[in-house]
């Protein structure tokens, strides 16, 4: 069972990044998927979520209109397109899979927004 994030890095304010999460070892299409982030000195927060078949998406108010979550159940991947990034978006971003009481986490990928 594994979730592996990729796509993080350094980007200038106003720029874009696309995070990806590759899942393996479990029935991906039966899990809702989420992206969380944790900034230095802050608690982990939910950024975006998508239902198991992609019909329902939700976003934190702070990223609404800038971030888009999507999934490809054929490829067992979930992505987070992040636009109009600001320094406040700097954080380790984590992929999360949830079904009932079962939760799975990736190791995280760092996004740094700085000029």
N, C-alpha and C. Protein backbone atom coordinates (compact mmCIF):
# COMPACT_ATOMS: atom_id res chain seq x y z
N UNK A 1 0.85 -1.18 0.00
CA UNK A 1 0.00 0.00 0.00
C UNK A 1 0.89 1.23 0.00
N UNK A 2 0.68 2.10 -0.97
CA UNK A 2 1.59 3.23 -1.09
C UNK A 2 0.92 4.41 -1.79
N UNK A 3 1.25 5.59 -1.29
CA UNK A 3 0.89 6.84 -1.95
C UNK A 3 2.18 7.63 -2.11
N UNK A 4 2.49 8.02 -3.33
CA UNK A 4 3.75 8.72 -3.60
C UNK A 4 3.45 10.03 -4.32
N UNK A 5 3.74 11.12 -3.63
CA UNK A 5 3.53 12.44 -4.20
C UNK A 5 4.74 12.88 -5.02
N UNK A 6 4.48 13.73 -5.98
CA UNK A 6 5.55 14.33 -6.77
C UNK A 6 5.06 15.68 -7.30
N UNK A 7 6.01 16.47 -7.79
CA UNK A 7 5.65 17.74 -8.42
C UNK A 7 5.91 18.97 -7.60
N UNK A 8 6.33 18.79 -6.36
CA UNK A 8 6.63 19.96 -5.54
C UNK A 8 7.91 20.64 -6.00
N UNK A 9 8.15 21.81 -5.44
CA UNK A 9 9.36 22.54 -5.79
C UNK A 9 9.24 24.01 -5.45
N UNK A 10 10.15 24.77 -6.00
CA UNK A 10 10.19 26.22 -5.77
C UNK A 10 9.53 26.94 -6.95
N UNK A 11 8.64 27.84 -6.63
CA UNK A 11 7.94 28.60 -7.67
C UNK A 11 7.79 30.04 -7.20
N UNK A 12 7.80 30.96 -8.14
CA UNK A 12 7.65 32.37 -7.80
C UNK A 12 6.18 32.70 -7.53
N UNK A 13 5.94 33.73 -6.75
CA UNK A 13 4.55 34.17 -6.52
C UNK A 13 3.84 34.42 -7.84
N UNK A 14 2.60 33.96 -7.90
CA UNK A 14 1.83 34.08 -9.12
C UNK A 14 1.98 32.90 -10.06
N UNK A 15 2.92 32.04 -9.77
CA UNK A 15 3.17 30.89 -10.62
C UNK A 15 2.24 29.72 -10.35
N UNK A 16 2.51 28.63 -11.05
CA UNK A 16 1.69 27.43 -10.96
C UNK A 16 2.55 26.19 -10.74
N UNK A 17 1.94 25.21 -10.12
CA UNK A 17 2.54 23.89 -9.96
C UNK A 17 1.43 22.86 -10.05
N UNK A 18 1.81 21.67 -10.48
CA UNK A 18 0.87 20.56 -10.51
C UNK A 18 1.45 19.42 -9.69
N UNK A 19 0.76 19.07 -8.63
CA UNK A 19 1.16 17.94 -7.81
C UNK A 19 0.45 16.68 -8.29
N UNK A 20 1.15 15.57 -8.18
CA UNK A 20 0.55 14.29 -8.53
C UNK A 20 0.78 13.31 -7.39
N UNK A 21 -0.13 12.35 -7.29
CA UNK A 21 -0.02 11.31 -6.27
C UNK A 21 -0.34 9.98 -6.95
N UNK A 22 0.61 9.08 -6.90
CA UNK A 22 0.43 7.76 -7.49
C UNK A 22 0.11 6.76 -6.39
N UNK A 23 -0.96 6.04 -6.58
CA UNK A 23 -1.42 5.07 -5.58
C UNK A 23 -1.16 3.65 -6.05
N UNK A 24 -0.87 2.79 -5.10
CA UNK A 24 -0.67 1.38 -5.43
C UNK A 24 -0.98 0.52 -4.22
N UNK A 25 -1.38 -0.69 -4.48
CA UNK A 25 -1.57 -1.66 -3.41
C UNK A 25 -2.94 -1.67 -2.75
N UNK A 26 -3.86 -0.86 -3.28
CA UNK A 26 -5.21 -0.87 -2.73
C UNK A 26 -6.20 -0.49 -3.83
N UNK A 27 -7.46 -0.64 -3.55
CA UNK A 27 -8.49 -0.39 -4.54
C UNK A 27 -8.77 1.11 -4.64
N UNK A 28 -7.96 1.76 -5.44
CA UNK A 28 -7.95 3.22 -5.51
C UNK A 28 -9.33 3.81 -5.80
N UNK A 29 -10.06 3.22 -6.72
CA UNK A 29 -11.33 3.81 -7.15
C UNK A 29 -12.41 3.77 -6.07
N UNK A 30 -12.18 3.05 -5.00
CA UNK A 30 -13.17 2.97 -3.92
C UNK A 30 -12.87 3.95 -2.78
N UNK A 31 -11.79 4.71 -2.92
CA UNK A 31 -11.38 5.65 -1.89
C UNK A 31 -11.62 7.09 -2.34
N UNK A 32 -12.13 7.91 -1.43
CA UNK A 32 -12.08 9.34 -1.65
C UNK A 32 -10.62 9.78 -1.47
N UNK A 33 -10.25 10.81 -2.19
CA UNK A 33 -8.88 11.29 -2.13
C UNK A 33 -8.87 12.75 -1.70
N UNK A 34 -7.84 13.09 -0.95
CA UNK A 34 -7.71 14.46 -0.45
C UNK A 34 -6.26 14.91 -0.54
N UNK A 35 -6.10 16.21 -0.61
CA UNK A 35 -4.79 16.84 -0.44
C UNK A 35 -4.85 17.67 0.83
N UNK A 36 -3.84 17.49 1.65
CA UNK A 36 -3.65 18.29 2.85
C UNK A 36 -2.33 19.04 2.70
N UNK A 37 -2.15 20.03 3.53
CA UNK A 37 -0.86 20.70 3.59
C UNK A 37 -0.57 21.12 5.03
N UNK A 38 0.73 21.23 5.29
CA UNK A 38 1.17 21.68 6.61
C UNK A 38 2.30 22.67 6.44
N UNK A 39 2.02 23.90 6.82
CA UNK A 39 3.02 24.95 6.77
C UNK A 39 3.86 24.92 8.04
N UNK A 40 5.08 25.47 7.99
CA UNK A 40 5.94 25.48 9.18
C UNK A 40 5.25 26.12 10.37
N UNK A 41 5.23 25.41 11.47
CA UNK A 41 4.63 25.94 12.70
C UNK A 41 3.12 25.93 12.75
N UNK A 42 2.49 25.32 11.74
CA UNK A 42 1.03 25.30 11.69
C UNK A 42 0.52 23.87 11.66
N UNK A 43 -0.77 23.72 11.95
CA UNK A 43 -1.38 22.41 11.89
C UNK A 43 -1.67 22.01 10.44
N UNK A 44 -1.77 20.72 10.25
CA UNK A 44 -2.12 20.22 8.92
C UNK A 44 -3.55 20.62 8.59
N UNK A 45 -3.77 21.08 7.36
CA UNK A 45 -5.11 21.50 6.96
C UNK A 45 -5.53 20.83 5.66
N UNK A 46 -6.83 20.63 5.55
CA UNK A 46 -7.38 20.05 4.33
C UNK A 46 -7.43 21.11 3.24
N UNK A 47 -6.91 20.78 2.09
CA UNK A 47 -6.87 21.70 0.96
C UNK A 47 -7.98 21.42 -0.04
N UNK A 48 -8.11 20.14 -0.42
CA UNK A 48 -9.10 19.78 -1.44
C UNK A 48 -9.43 18.31 -1.31
N UNK A 49 -10.62 17.95 -1.72
CA UNK A 49 -11.04 16.56 -1.69
C UNK A 49 -11.85 16.21 -2.93
N UNK A 50 -11.84 14.93 -3.29
CA UNK A 50 -12.60 14.47 -4.44
C UNK A 50 -13.16 13.09 -4.11
N UNK A 51 -14.40 12.87 -4.49
CA UNK A 51 -15.04 11.60 -4.19
C UNK A 51 -14.43 10.47 -5.02
N UNK A 52 -14.84 9.25 -4.70
CA UNK A 52 -14.18 8.08 -5.30
C UNK A 52 -14.28 8.06 -6.83
N UNK A 53 -15.40 8.51 -7.38
CA UNK A 53 -15.52 8.52 -8.83
C UNK A 53 -15.45 9.92 -9.42
N UNK A 54 -15.05 10.87 -8.59
CA UNK A 54 -14.77 12.20 -9.08
C UNK A 54 -15.95 13.12 -9.23
N UNK A 55 -17.12 12.69 -8.79
CA UNK A 55 -18.30 13.50 -9.00
C UNK A 55 -18.45 14.66 -8.05
N UNK A 56 -17.79 14.59 -6.92
CA UNK A 56 -17.90 15.64 -5.91
C UNK A 56 -16.50 16.13 -5.56
N UNK A 57 -16.33 17.44 -5.59
CA UNK A 57 -15.06 18.04 -5.23
C UNK A 57 -15.34 19.15 -4.22
N UNK A 58 -14.41 19.35 -3.32
CA UNK A 58 -14.53 20.45 -2.37
C UNK A 58 -13.16 21.03 -2.08
N UNK A 59 -13.18 22.29 -1.70
CA UNK A 59 -11.93 23.03 -1.52
C UNK A 59 -11.99 23.88 -0.25
N UNK A 60 -10.81 24.09 0.33
CA UNK A 60 -10.71 25.07 1.39
C UNK A 60 -10.95 26.46 0.81
N UNK A 61 -11.50 27.33 1.63
CA UNK A 61 -11.81 28.68 1.16
C UNK A 61 -10.56 29.40 0.66
N UNK A 62 -9.43 29.10 1.26
CA UNK A 62 -8.19 29.78 0.92
C UNK A 62 -7.66 29.43 -0.47
N UNK A 63 -8.14 28.33 -1.06
CA UNK A 63 -7.64 27.90 -2.37
C UNK A 63 -8.73 27.85 -3.43
N UNK A 64 -9.98 28.07 -3.02
CA UNK A 64 -11.10 28.03 -3.96
C UNK A 64 -10.86 28.98 -5.13
N UNK A 65 -11.03 28.46 -6.34
CA UNK A 65 -10.83 29.28 -7.52
C UNK A 65 -9.40 29.29 -8.03
N UNK A 66 -8.47 28.81 -7.24
CA UNK A 66 -7.06 28.77 -7.65
C UNK A 66 -6.55 27.35 -7.86
N UNK A 67 -7.07 26.42 -7.05
CA UNK A 67 -6.62 25.03 -7.10
C UNK A 67 -7.73 24.15 -7.70
N UNK A 68 -7.30 23.11 -8.40
CA UNK A 68 -8.24 22.14 -8.95
C UNK A 68 -7.74 20.73 -8.67
N UNK A 69 -8.60 19.94 -8.05
CA UNK A 69 -8.27 18.55 -7.79
C UNK A 69 -8.91 17.68 -8.86
N UNK A 70 -8.19 16.64 -9.28
CA UNK A 70 -8.73 15.71 -10.27
C UNK A 70 -8.15 14.33 -10.01
N UNK A 71 -8.78 13.34 -10.59
CA UNK A 71 -8.29 11.97 -10.42
C UNK A 71 -8.49 11.19 -11.70
N UNK A 72 -7.66 10.17 -11.85
CA UNK A 72 -7.76 9.25 -12.99
C UNK A 72 -7.76 7.85 -12.41
N UNK A 73 -8.92 7.27 -12.31
CA UNK A 73 -9.02 5.94 -11.68
C UNK A 73 -8.40 4.84 -12.54
N UNK A 74 -8.24 5.09 -13.83
CA UNK A 74 -7.59 4.11 -14.69
C UNK A 74 -6.09 4.07 -14.43
N UNK A 75 -5.55 5.21 -14.00
CA UNK A 75 -4.10 5.30 -13.76
C UNK A 75 -3.76 5.33 -12.27
N UNK A 76 -4.79 5.28 -11.43
CA UNK A 76 -4.58 5.32 -9.97
C UNK A 76 -3.79 6.55 -9.54
N UNK A 77 -4.20 7.68 -10.05
CA UNK A 77 -3.53 8.93 -9.70
C UNK A 77 -4.54 10.01 -9.33
N UNK A 78 -4.09 10.89 -8.49
CA UNK A 78 -4.85 12.10 -8.14
C UNK A 78 -3.89 13.27 -8.27
N UNK A 79 -4.42 14.37 -8.76
CA UNK A 79 -3.58 15.54 -9.02
C UNK A 79 -4.17 16.78 -8.36
N UNK A 80 -3.30 17.75 -8.17
CA UNK A 80 -3.73 19.04 -7.65
C UNK A 80 -3.05 20.11 -8.50
N UNK A 81 -3.83 20.79 -9.31
CA UNK A 81 -3.33 21.90 -10.10
C UNK A 81 -3.44 23.16 -9.27
N UNK A 82 -2.31 23.83 -9.06
CA UNK A 82 -2.27 25.00 -8.19
C UNK A 82 -1.84 26.21 -9.02
N UNK A 83 -2.70 27.19 -9.09
CA UNK A 83 -2.43 28.42 -9.84
C UNK A 83 -2.41 29.61 -8.90
N UNK A 84 -1.86 30.70 -9.39
CA UNK A 84 -1.81 31.96 -8.63
C UNK A 84 -1.25 31.74 -7.23
N UNK A 85 -0.15 31.05 -7.17
CA UNK A 85 0.43 30.69 -5.88
C UNK A 85 0.98 31.93 -5.17
N UNK A 86 0.86 31.89 -3.85
CA UNK A 86 1.38 32.97 -3.02
C UNK A 86 2.27 32.36 -1.94
N UNK A 87 3.09 33.19 -1.29
CA UNK A 87 3.95 32.65 -0.23
C UNK A 87 3.17 31.92 0.86
N UNK A 88 1.92 32.29 1.05
CA UNK A 88 1.10 31.62 2.06
C UNK A 88 0.78 30.17 1.69
N UNK A 89 1.03 29.79 0.47
CA UNK A 89 0.82 28.40 0.03
C UNK A 89 2.03 27.52 0.31
N UNK A 90 3.09 28.10 0.81
CA UNK A 90 4.28 27.32 1.13
C UNK A 90 3.97 26.31 2.22
N UNK A 91 4.21 25.04 1.93
CA UNK A 91 3.88 23.98 2.87
C UNK A 91 4.31 22.64 2.29
N UNK A 92 4.36 21.64 3.15
CA UNK A 92 4.46 20.26 2.68
C UNK A 92 3.04 19.81 2.35
N UNK A 93 2.86 19.30 1.16
CA UNK A 93 1.55 18.87 0.69
C UNK A 93 1.48 17.34 0.72
N UNK A 94 0.40 16.83 1.30
CA UNK A 94 0.25 15.39 1.49
C UNK A 94 -0.97 14.87 0.74
N UNK A 95 -0.80 13.71 0.17
CA UNK A 95 -1.89 12.98 -0.46
C UNK A 95 -2.51 12.06 0.58
N UNK A 96 -3.83 11.96 0.57
CA UNK A 96 -4.55 11.17 1.57
C UNK A 96 -5.65 10.38 0.89
N UNK A 97 -5.78 9.12 1.25
CA UNK A 97 -6.87 8.28 0.76
C UNK A 97 -7.73 7.87 1.95
N UNK A 98 -9.03 7.93 1.78
CA UNK A 98 -9.92 7.60 2.90
C UNK A 98 -11.12 6.80 2.42
N UNK A 99 -11.42 5.77 3.20
CA UNK A 99 -12.63 4.97 2.98
C UNK A 99 -13.08 4.46 4.32
N UNK A 100 -14.21 4.94 4.78
CA UNK A 100 -14.68 4.59 6.10
C UNK A 100 -13.68 5.05 7.15
N UNK A 101 -13.21 4.13 7.97
CA UNK A 101 -12.25 4.46 9.02
C UNK A 101 -10.81 4.25 8.58
N UNK A 102 -10.62 3.86 7.35
CA UNK A 102 -9.27 3.61 6.83
C UNK A 102 -8.72 4.86 6.18
N UNK A 103 -7.52 5.24 6.58
CA UNK A 103 -6.84 6.38 5.99
C UNK A 103 -5.42 6.00 5.63
N UNK A 104 -5.00 6.47 4.48
CA UNK A 104 -3.64 6.23 4.01
C UNK A 104 -3.00 7.58 3.70
N UNK A 105 -1.70 7.67 3.94
CA UNK A 105 -0.99 8.93 3.74
C UNK A 105 0.27 8.72 2.91
N UNK A 106 0.57 9.72 2.11
CA UNK A 106 1.85 9.77 1.44
C UNK A 106 2.88 10.44 2.32
N UNK A 107 4.08 10.54 1.80
CA UNK A 107 5.19 11.10 2.58
C UNK A 107 5.27 12.61 2.46
N UNK A 108 4.57 13.17 1.51
CA UNK A 108 4.54 14.62 1.35
C UNK A 108 5.52 15.13 0.32
N UNK A 109 5.17 16.27 -0.25
CA UNK A 109 6.07 16.95 -1.19
C UNK A 109 6.04 18.44 -0.85
N UNK A 110 7.21 19.05 -0.84
CA UNK A 110 7.32 20.43 -0.39
C UNK A 110 7.07 21.40 -1.54
N UNK A 111 6.20 22.34 -1.28
CA UNK A 111 5.95 23.45 -2.20
C UNK A 111 6.44 24.72 -1.54
N UNK A 112 7.34 25.42 -2.21
CA UNK A 112 7.87 26.68 -1.69
C UNK A 112 7.57 27.78 -2.69
N UNK A 113 6.86 28.79 -2.23
CA UNK A 113 6.53 29.93 -3.09
C UNK A 113 7.33 31.13 -2.59
N UNK A 114 8.27 31.53 -3.41
CA UNK A 114 9.17 32.62 -3.00
C UNK A 114 9.80 33.25 -4.22
N UNK A 115 10.09 34.53 -4.09
CA UNK A 115 10.79 35.22 -5.16
C UNK A 115 12.29 35.23 -4.89
